[in-house]
Protein backbone atom coordinates (compact mmCIF):
# COMPACT_ATOMS: atom_id res chain seq x y z
CA MET A 1 35.95 191.40 74.24
CA GLU A 2 36.59 192.10 70.93
CA LEU A 3 37.72 195.72 69.96
CA THR A 4 36.18 197.68 67.22
CA SER A 5 38.12 199.68 64.76
CA LYS A 6 37.70 202.74 66.52
CA GLN A 7 38.77 201.46 69.62
CA ARG A 8 41.95 200.08 67.99
CA ALA A 9 42.69 203.00 66.30
CA GLN A 10 42.27 204.91 69.65
CA LEU A 11 44.74 202.21 71.55
CA ARG A 12 46.96 202.67 68.29
CA GLY A 13 47.09 206.31 69.13
CA ILE A 14 47.95 205.67 72.85
CA ALA A 15 50.42 203.11 72.12
CA ASN A 16 52.38 205.51 69.65
CA THR A 17 53.88 207.32 72.34
CA ALA A 18 54.46 203.96 75.07
CA ASP A 19 57.76 202.58 75.84
CA THR A 20 58.61 198.90 74.81
CA ILE A 21 58.58 197.31 77.92
CA ILE A 22 58.53 193.50 77.00
CA HIS A 23 61.18 191.91 74.90
CA ILE A 24 61.17 188.50 73.42
CA GLY A 25 64.66 186.97 72.73
CA LYS A 26 66.31 183.86 71.96
CA ASP A 27 64.34 182.00 75.07
CA GLY A 28 61.05 182.84 73.42
CA ILE A 29 57.80 182.96 75.50
CA ASN A 30 58.36 181.39 79.00
CA ASP A 31 56.52 181.59 82.22
CA ASN A 32 58.74 184.47 83.40
CA LEU A 33 57.70 186.46 80.31
CA ILE A 34 54.07 185.49 80.72
CA LYS A 35 54.19 186.72 84.33
CA GLN A 36 55.81 190.02 83.70
CA ALA A 37 53.31 190.88 80.79
CA ASN A 38 50.29 190.00 83.03
CA ASP A 39 51.62 192.25 85.85
CA ALA A 40 52.19 195.07 83.30
CA LEU A 41 48.85 194.32 81.68
CA GLU A 42 47.15 194.82 85.14
CA ALA A 43 48.93 198.16 85.77
CA ARG A 44 48.77 199.53 82.44
CA GLU A 45 46.13 197.88 80.64
CA LEU A 46 48.11 198.34 77.23
CA ILE A 47 51.38 197.24 76.61
CA LYS A 48 54.11 197.46 73.88
CA CYS A 49 56.25 194.29 72.93
CA LYS A 50 59.23 193.91 70.78
CA VAL A 51 60.64 190.70 69.34
CA LEU A 52 64.58 190.97 69.21
CA GLU A 53 66.15 189.60 66.17
CA ASN A 54 67.65 186.24 67.82
CA SER A 55 64.18 185.02 68.62
CA MET A 56 62.83 182.13 66.67
CA LEU A 57 59.02 183.65 66.58
CA THR A 58 57.95 186.37 64.32
CA ALA A 59 56.03 189.26 65.62
CA ARG A 60 52.74 188.18 64.54
CA GLU A 61 53.40 184.57 66.00
CA ALA A 62 54.46 186.17 69.37
CA CYS A 63 51.53 188.70 69.28
CA ASP A 64 49.34 185.62 68.83
CA GLN A 65 50.66 183.46 71.64
CA MET A 66 50.91 186.23 74.15
CA ALA A 67 47.67 187.50 73.22
CA LYS A 68 46.11 183.84 74.17
CA LEU A 69 48.43 183.34 77.34
CA THR A 70 47.72 186.53 78.74
CA ARG A 71 43.82 186.73 77.94
CA SER A 72 44.27 190.24 76.19
CA GLU A 73 43.47 191.35 72.76
CA PRO A 74 46.11 192.26 70.09
CA VAL A 75 45.88 195.76 68.91
CA GLN A 76 48.67 195.95 66.52
CA VAL A 77 51.82 194.26 64.82
CA ILE A 78 54.31 196.40 62.84
CA GLY A 79 57.72 195.21 61.82
CA THR A 80 59.03 193.69 65.05
CA LYS A 81 56.69 195.33 67.59
CA PHE A 82 53.22 194.54 68.71
CA VAL A 83 50.58 195.89 70.99
CA LEU A 84 48.40 194.26 73.62
CA TYR A 85 45.46 195.47 75.57
CA ARG A 86 43.37 193.92 78.42
CA GLN A 87 40.58 195.79 80.27
CA HIS A 88 40.99 196.03 84.24
CA TYR A 89 37.99 194.10 85.62
CA ASP A 90 37.46 196.55 88.17
CA LYS A 91 35.72 199.56 86.46
CA SER A 92 37.21 201.93 89.12
CA LYS A 93 40.89 201.07 88.28
CA ARG A 94 40.58 201.38 84.63
CA LYS A 95 43.10 203.74 83.10
CA ILE A 96 41.80 203.45 79.45
CA GLU A 97 38.31 204.57 78.80
CA LEU A 98 37.54 203.00 75.44
CA LEU A 99 35.36 204.60 72.91
CA ARG A 100 31.72 203.22 72.67
CA ASP A 101 29.93 202.32 69.76
CA ARG A 102 27.06 204.68 68.98
CA LYS A 103 24.29 202.44 67.50
CA THR A 104 21.36 204.57 66.04
CA LYS A 105 17.85 203.34 66.47
CA ALA A 106 15.56 203.21 63.64
CA THR A 107 12.66 205.42 64.38
CA SER A 108 9.33 204.86 62.64
């Protein structure tokens, strides 16, 4: 699922007040961190992560790797923090309702 710019803006606004729950340190991205991120995405749909100073990864590299490994969408990368989003597969359990594109039909 590819996010539109309006959906990204909506998610950035939600993430602005969210707490950072994933910290990437000197061990980098390992299986335990991926499991923790998957569990958090399952529960919250939107997570904020931070790359610590002792990590060998930049925030952009960590974001790209985590997005690929957790099958989520990168929302934003600023400084040492980044935000990931993965929509819940079950519509009844979704916590975030994304804006929809309003496509206008040409009338003749």
